[in-house]
């Protein structure tokens, strides 16, 4: 393995390291190229604090890609609105819960 590979292990690795230092109960992962709704934070937290929220491990949403002018940005828009959306809707309707979360915009319960 090259030294460059060892240094840059990716977002998931960095997120896992960051969570070990986080002191809060809830952790938000938000990609720089996505734009949450203005009241998204309140909406996420509301799921965790309601009476039946003790069993919730994570909350995710559909997001809006900020930079749609590039080919990558356009591709992400299609991915988020179609592929990720289909996965979420299918899991929700079949199982009643979502098992796979996009790291682009998700709040996690640290203990989970």
N, C-alpha and C. Protein backbone atom coordinates (compact mmCIF):
# COMPACT_ATOMS: atom_id res chain seq x y z
N UNK A 1 0.86 -1.18 0.00
CA UNK A 1 0.00 0.00 0.00
C UNK A 1 0.90 1.23 0.00
N UNK A 2 0.59 2.15 -0.88
CA UNK A 2 1.41 3.37 -0.96
C UNK A 2 1.15 4.28 0.23
N UNK A 3 2.08 5.19 0.47
CA UNK A 3 1.91 6.11 1.60
C UNK A 3 0.72 7.04 1.38
N UNK A 4 0.39 7.36 0.11
CA UNK A 4 -0.77 8.21 -0.19
C UNK A 4 -2.06 7.49 0.20
N UNK A 5 -2.12 6.17 -0.04
CA UNK A 5 -3.30 5.39 0.32
C UNK A 5 -3.50 5.35 1.82
N UNK A 6 -2.40 5.24 2.56
CA UNK A 6 -2.48 5.20 4.01
C UNK A 6 -2.96 6.52 4.58
N UNK A 7 -2.57 7.62 3.98
CA UNK A 7 -2.93 8.94 4.48
C UNK A 7 -4.40 9.26 4.21
N UNK A 8 -4.90 8.93 3.02
CA UNK A 8 -6.25 9.27 2.64
C UNK A 8 -7.11 8.01 2.60
N UNK A 9 -7.76 7.71 3.70
CA UNK A 9 -8.57 6.50 3.78
C UNK A 9 -10.04 6.77 3.47
N UNK A 10 -10.38 8.01 3.18
CA UNK A 10 -11.74 8.32 2.75
C UNK A 10 -12.63 8.89 3.84
N UNK A 11 -13.82 9.28 3.41
CA UNK A 11 -14.77 9.94 4.29
C UNK A 11 -15.23 9.03 5.42
N UNK A 12 -15.52 7.78 5.13
CA UNK A 12 -16.01 6.87 6.16
C UNK A 12 -14.99 6.73 7.29
N UNK A 13 -13.73 6.60 6.94
CA UNK A 13 -12.68 6.49 7.96
C UNK A 13 -12.58 7.77 8.79
N UNK A 14 -12.60 8.90 8.11
CA UNK A 14 -12.53 10.19 8.82
C UNK A 14 -13.74 10.38 9.73
N UNK A 15 -14.92 9.97 9.26
CA UNK A 15 -16.14 10.09 10.06
C UNK A 15 -16.03 9.22 11.31
N UNK A 16 -15.54 7.99 11.15
CA UNK A 16 -15.38 7.10 12.31
C UNK A 16 -14.39 7.66 13.32
N UNK A 17 -13.31 8.25 12.85
CA UNK A 17 -12.34 8.88 13.76
C UNK A 17 -13.01 10.06 14.47
N UNK A 18 -13.72 10.88 13.71
CA UNK A 18 -14.39 12.05 14.28
C UNK A 18 -15.41 11.69 15.34
N UNK A 19 -16.16 10.61 15.13
CA UNK A 19 -17.17 10.22 16.12
C UNK A 19 -16.53 9.81 17.44
N UNK A 20 -15.31 9.32 17.40
CA UNK A 20 -14.66 8.95 18.65
C UNK A 20 -14.32 10.17 19.50
N UNK A 21 -14.20 11.33 18.87
CA UNK A 21 -13.92 12.57 19.59
C UNK A 21 -15.18 13.36 19.93
N UNK A 22 -16.29 13.05 19.26
CA UNK A 22 -17.54 13.79 19.47
C UNK A 22 -18.06 13.56 20.88
N UNK A 23 -18.52 14.61 21.50
CA UNK A 23 -19.02 14.53 22.86
C UNK A 23 -20.54 14.46 22.92
N UNK A 24 -21.22 14.84 21.84
CA UNK A 24 -22.68 14.86 21.83
C UNK A 24 -23.30 13.50 21.61
N UNK A 25 -24.59 13.43 21.87
CA UNK A 25 -25.34 12.18 21.68
C UNK A 25 -25.71 11.97 20.22
N UNK A 26 -25.88 13.08 19.49
CA UNK A 26 -26.27 13.01 18.08
C UNK A 26 -25.15 13.58 17.21
N UNK A 27 -24.92 12.93 16.07
CA UNK A 27 -23.85 13.36 15.16
C UNK A 27 -24.45 13.54 13.77
N UNK A 28 -24.19 14.69 13.16
CA UNK A 28 -24.70 14.98 11.82
C UNK A 28 -23.59 14.85 10.80
N UNK A 29 -23.87 14.11 9.74
CA UNK A 29 -22.96 13.99 8.60
C UNK A 29 -23.63 14.71 7.44
N UNK A 30 -22.95 15.71 6.92
CA UNK A 30 -23.52 16.49 5.82
C UNK A 30 -22.42 16.78 4.80
N UNK A 31 -22.60 16.31 3.56
CA UNK A 31 -21.61 16.58 2.51
C UNK A 31 -21.62 18.06 2.15
N UNK A 32 -20.48 18.57 1.77
CA UNK A 32 -20.34 19.98 1.43
C UNK A 32 -21.14 20.36 0.18
N UNK A 33 -21.43 19.40 -0.67
CA UNK A 33 -22.14 19.72 -1.91
C UNK A 33 -23.64 19.48 -1.83
N UNK A 34 -24.16 19.26 -0.63
CA UNK A 34 -25.60 19.12 -0.45
C UNK A 34 -26.13 20.27 0.40
N UNK A 35 -27.38 20.60 0.21
CA UNK A 35 -27.99 21.72 0.92
C UNK A 35 -29.23 21.22 1.67
N UNK A 36 -29.16 21.12 3.00
CA UNK A 36 -30.35 20.71 3.75
C UNK A 36 -31.36 21.85 3.80
N UNK A 37 -32.60 21.50 4.10
CA UNK A 37 -33.63 22.53 4.29
C UNK A 37 -33.26 23.38 5.49
N UNK A 38 -33.71 24.63 5.52
CA UNK A 38 -33.36 25.52 6.64
C UNK A 38 -33.71 24.97 8.02
N UNK A 39 -34.81 24.21 8.13
CA UNK A 39 -35.22 23.68 9.43
C UNK A 39 -34.88 22.19 9.57
N UNK A 40 -33.94 21.69 8.78
CA UNK A 40 -33.58 20.26 8.79
C UNK A 40 -33.09 19.81 10.16
N UNK A 41 -32.26 20.59 10.80
CA UNK A 41 -31.71 20.20 12.10
C UNK A 41 -32.83 19.95 13.11
N UNK A 42 -33.79 20.86 13.16
CA UNK A 42 -34.92 20.69 14.08
C UNK A 42 -35.72 19.44 13.71
N UNK A 43 -35.93 19.20 12.42
CA UNK A 43 -36.69 18.03 11.99
C UNK A 43 -35.97 16.74 12.41
N UNK A 44 -34.66 16.69 12.22
CA UNK A 44 -33.90 15.50 12.60
C UNK A 44 -34.00 15.25 14.11
N UNK A 45 -33.70 16.27 14.88
CA UNK A 45 -33.69 16.12 16.34
C UNK A 45 -35.06 15.72 16.86
N UNK A 46 -36.10 16.23 16.24
CA UNK A 46 -37.46 15.92 16.67
C UNK A 46 -37.74 14.41 16.65
N UNK A 47 -37.18 13.70 15.69
CA UNK A 47 -37.37 12.25 15.64
C UNK A 47 -36.73 11.57 16.86
N UNK A 48 -35.61 12.06 17.31
CA UNK A 48 -34.90 11.45 18.43
C UNK A 48 -35.53 11.77 19.78
N UNK A 49 -36.12 12.96 19.92
CA UNK A 49 -36.62 13.38 21.24
C UNK A 49 -38.07 12.99 21.50
N UNK A 50 -38.79 12.58 20.48
CA UNK A 50 -40.18 12.20 20.73
C UNK A 50 -40.22 10.90 21.54
N UNK A 51 -41.38 10.60 22.09
CA UNK A 51 -41.51 9.48 23.03
C UNK A 51 -41.03 8.15 22.45
N UNK A 52 -41.33 7.87 21.20
CA UNK A 52 -40.91 6.60 20.60
C UNK A 52 -39.55 6.70 19.91
N UNK A 53 -38.82 7.79 20.13
CA UNK A 53 -37.54 8.02 19.48
C UNK A 53 -36.35 7.30 20.06
N UNK A 54 -36.54 6.60 21.18
CA UNK A 54 -35.41 5.89 21.80
C UNK A 54 -34.86 4.78 20.91
N UNK A 55 -35.69 4.24 20.04
CA UNK A 55 -35.26 3.14 19.18
C UNK A 55 -34.73 3.61 17.84
N UNK A 56 -34.63 4.90 17.64
CA UNK A 56 -34.15 5.43 16.37
C UNK A 56 -32.63 5.57 16.41
N UNK A 57 -31.97 4.96 15.44
CA UNK A 57 -30.51 5.01 15.37
C UNK A 57 -30.02 6.12 14.46
N UNK A 58 -30.79 6.45 13.42
CA UNK A 58 -30.37 7.47 12.46
C UNK A 58 -31.59 8.03 11.74
N UNK A 59 -31.43 9.25 11.25
CA UNK A 59 -32.46 9.92 10.47
C UNK A 59 -31.79 10.50 9.23
N UNK A 60 -32.39 10.28 8.09
CA UNK A 60 -31.84 10.80 6.84
C UNK A 60 -32.93 11.49 6.05
N UNK A 61 -32.55 12.18 5.01
CA UNK A 61 -33.53 12.90 4.21
C UNK A 61 -33.11 12.90 2.75
N UNK A 62 -34.00 13.41 1.93
CA UNK A 62 -33.61 13.68 0.55
C UNK A 62 -32.90 15.02 0.57
N UNK A 63 -31.89 15.15 -0.25
CA UNK A 63 -31.14 16.39 -0.24
C UNK A 63 -31.08 17.01 -1.61
N UNK A 64 -30.66 18.25 -1.63
CA UNK A 64 -30.54 19.01 -2.86
C UNK A 64 -29.05 19.24 -3.11
N UNK A 65 -28.61 18.93 -4.32
CA UNK A 65 -27.21 19.14 -4.68
C UNK A 65 -27.00 20.61 -5.01
N UNK A 66 -25.99 21.21 -4.42
CA UNK A 66 -25.74 22.64 -4.58
C UNK A 66 -25.19 22.98 -5.96
N UNK A 67 -24.25 22.22 -6.44
CA UNK A 67 -23.59 22.55 -7.71
C UNK A 67 -24.11 21.64 -8.82
N UNK A 68 -25.10 22.12 -9.57
CA UNK A 68 -25.69 21.33 -10.65
C UNK A 68 -25.14 21.71 -12.01
N UNK A 69 -24.17 22.60 -12.06
CA UNK A 69 -23.68 23.08 -13.35
C UNK A 69 -22.65 22.14 -13.97
N UNK A 70 -22.05 21.27 -13.17
CA UNK A 70 -21.04 20.35 -13.71
C UNK A 70 -21.69 18.99 -13.99
N UNK A 71 -21.02 18.19 -14.75
CA UNK A 71 -21.51 16.84 -15.05
C UNK A 71 -21.62 16.02 -13.77
N UNK A 72 -20.64 16.16 -12.88
CA UNK A 72 -20.68 15.43 -11.60
C UNK A 72 -21.87 15.90 -10.77
N UNK A 73 -22.10 17.19 -10.71
CA UNK A 73 -23.23 17.74 -9.96
C UNK A 73 -24.56 17.25 -10.51
N UNK A 74 -24.69 17.23 -11.81
CA UNK A 74 -25.92 16.72 -12.43
C UNK A 74 -26.10 15.24 -12.14
N UNK A 75 -25.01 14.50 -12.17
CA UNK A 75 -25.07 13.06 -11.87
C UNK A 75 -25.50 12.83 -10.42
N UNK A 76 -24.97 13.64 -9.50
CA UNK A 76 -25.34 13.51 -8.09
C UNK A 76 -26.82 13.82 -7.88
N UNK A 77 -27.33 14.80 -8.60
CA UNK A 77 -28.74 15.14 -8.49
C UNK A 77 -29.60 13.95 -8.90
N UNK A 78 -29.23 13.32 -9.99
CA UNK A 78 -29.96 12.14 -10.45
C UNK A 78 -29.84 11.01 -9.43
N UNK A 79 -28.63 10.81 -8.92
CA UNK A 79 -28.41 9.74 -7.94
C UNK A 79 -29.24 9.98 -6.68
N UNK A 80 -29.16 11.17 -6.12
CA UNK A 80 -29.88 11.45 -4.88
C UNK A 80 -31.38 11.37 -5.07
N UNK A 81 -31.89 11.94 -6.16
CA UNK A 81 -33.33 11.99 -6.31
C UNK A 81 -33.94 10.70 -6.82
N UNK A 82 -33.17 9.88 -7.48
CA UNK A 82 -33.76 8.65 -8.00
C UNK A 82 -33.26 7.42 -7.26
N UNK A 83 -32.01 7.09 -7.41
CA UNK A 83 -31.49 5.83 -6.86
C UNK A 83 -31.59 5.78 -5.34
N UNK A 84 -31.04 6.77 -4.65
CA UNK A 84 -31.08 6.79 -3.19
C UNK A 84 -32.53 6.89 -2.71
N UNK A 85 -33.33 7.70 -3.40
CA UNK A 85 -34.74 7.84 -3.05
C UNK A 85 -35.51 6.53 -3.19
N UNK A 86 -35.24 5.79 -4.24
CA UNK A 86 -35.91 4.50 -4.45
C UNK A 86 -35.53 3.52 -3.35
N UNK A 87 -34.25 3.47 -3.01
CA UNK A 87 -33.80 2.57 -1.94
C UNK A 87 -34.52 2.91 -0.64
N UNK A 88 -34.56 4.20 -0.29
CA UNK A 88 -35.22 4.61 0.96
C UNK A 88 -36.69 4.27 0.95
N UNK A 89 -37.39 4.60 -0.15
CA UNK A 89 -38.83 4.34 -0.23
C UNK A 89 -39.13 2.84 -0.19
N UNK A 90 -38.33 2.05 -0.87
CA UNK A 90 -38.54 0.59 -0.88
C UNK A 90 -38.34 0.01 0.51
N UNK A 91 -37.25 0.34 1.16
CA UNK A 91 -37.00 -0.19 2.50
C UNK A 91 -38.10 0.25 3.46
N UNK A 92 -38.50 1.50 3.36
CA UNK A 92 -39.52 2.02 4.26
C UNK A 92 -40.86 1.32 4.05
N UNK A 93 -41.25 1.12 2.80
CA UNK A 93 -42.56 0.50 2.54
C UNK A 93 -42.56 -1.00 2.80
N UNK A 94 -41.45 -1.68 2.53
CA UNK A 94 -41.39 -3.13 2.71
C UNK A 94 -41.12 -3.50 4.17
N UNK A 95 -40.14 -2.83 4.79
CA UNK A 95 -39.72 -3.19 6.15
C UNK A 95 -40.25 -2.26 7.23
N UNK A 96 -40.73 -1.10 6.86
CA UNK A 96 -41.20 -0.12 7.84
C UNK A 96 -40.08 0.72 8.43
N UNK A 97 -38.84 0.46 8.02
CA UNK A 97 -37.67 1.21 8.47
C UNK A 97 -36.68 1.29 7.33
N UNK A 98 -35.67 2.13 7.49
CA UNK A 98 -34.62 2.25 6.49
C UNK A 98 -33.35 1.64 7.07
N UNK A 99 -32.75 0.72 6.32
CA UNK A 99 -31.55 0.04 6.80
C UNK A 99 -30.27 0.63 6.25
N UNK A 100 -30.34 1.33 5.14
CA UNK A 100 -29.15 1.91 4.53
C UNK A 100 -29.31 3.42 4.48
N UNK A 101 -28.32 4.12 4.99
CA UNK A 101 -28.38 5.58 5.04
C UNK A 101 -27.30 6.17 4.15
N UNK A 102 -27.69 7.18 3.41
CA UNK A 102 -26.70 7.93 2.63
C UNK A 102 -25.93 8.80 3.60
N UNK A 103 -24.63 8.81 3.50
CA UNK A 103 -23.82 9.64 4.38
C UNK A 103 -23.87 11.11 4.01
N UNK A 104 -24.54 11.42 2.91
CA UNK A 104 -24.56 12.80 2.43
C UNK A 104 -25.31 13.73 3.37
N UNK A 105 -26.32 13.24 4.06
CA UNK A 105 -27.08 14.08 4.97
C UNK A 105 -27.84 13.18 5.93
N UNK A 106 -27.17 12.80 7.02
CA UNK A 106 -27.78 11.88 7.98
C UNK A 106 -27.34 12.26 9.39
N UNK A 107 -28.28 12.16 10.33
CA UNK A 107 -27.96 12.35 11.75
C UNK A 107 -28.03 10.99 12.43
N UNK A 108 -26.98 10.67 13.20
CA UNK A 108 -26.85 9.39 13.86
C UNK A 108 -26.90 9.55 15.37
N UNK A 109 -27.45 8.54 16.04
CA UNK A 109 -27.33 8.46 17.50
C UNK A 109 -25.97 7.83 17.76
N UNK A 110 -25.10 8.51 18.47
CA UNK A 110 -23.72 8.03 18.65
C UNK A 110 -23.69 6.64 19.27
N UNK A 111 -24.55 6.37 20.21
CA UNK A 111 -24.53 5.06 20.87
C UNK A 111 -24.92 3.92 19.93
N UNK A 112 -25.60 4.23 18.87
CA UNK A 112 -26.01 3.18 17.91
C UNK A 112 -24.85 2.85 17.00
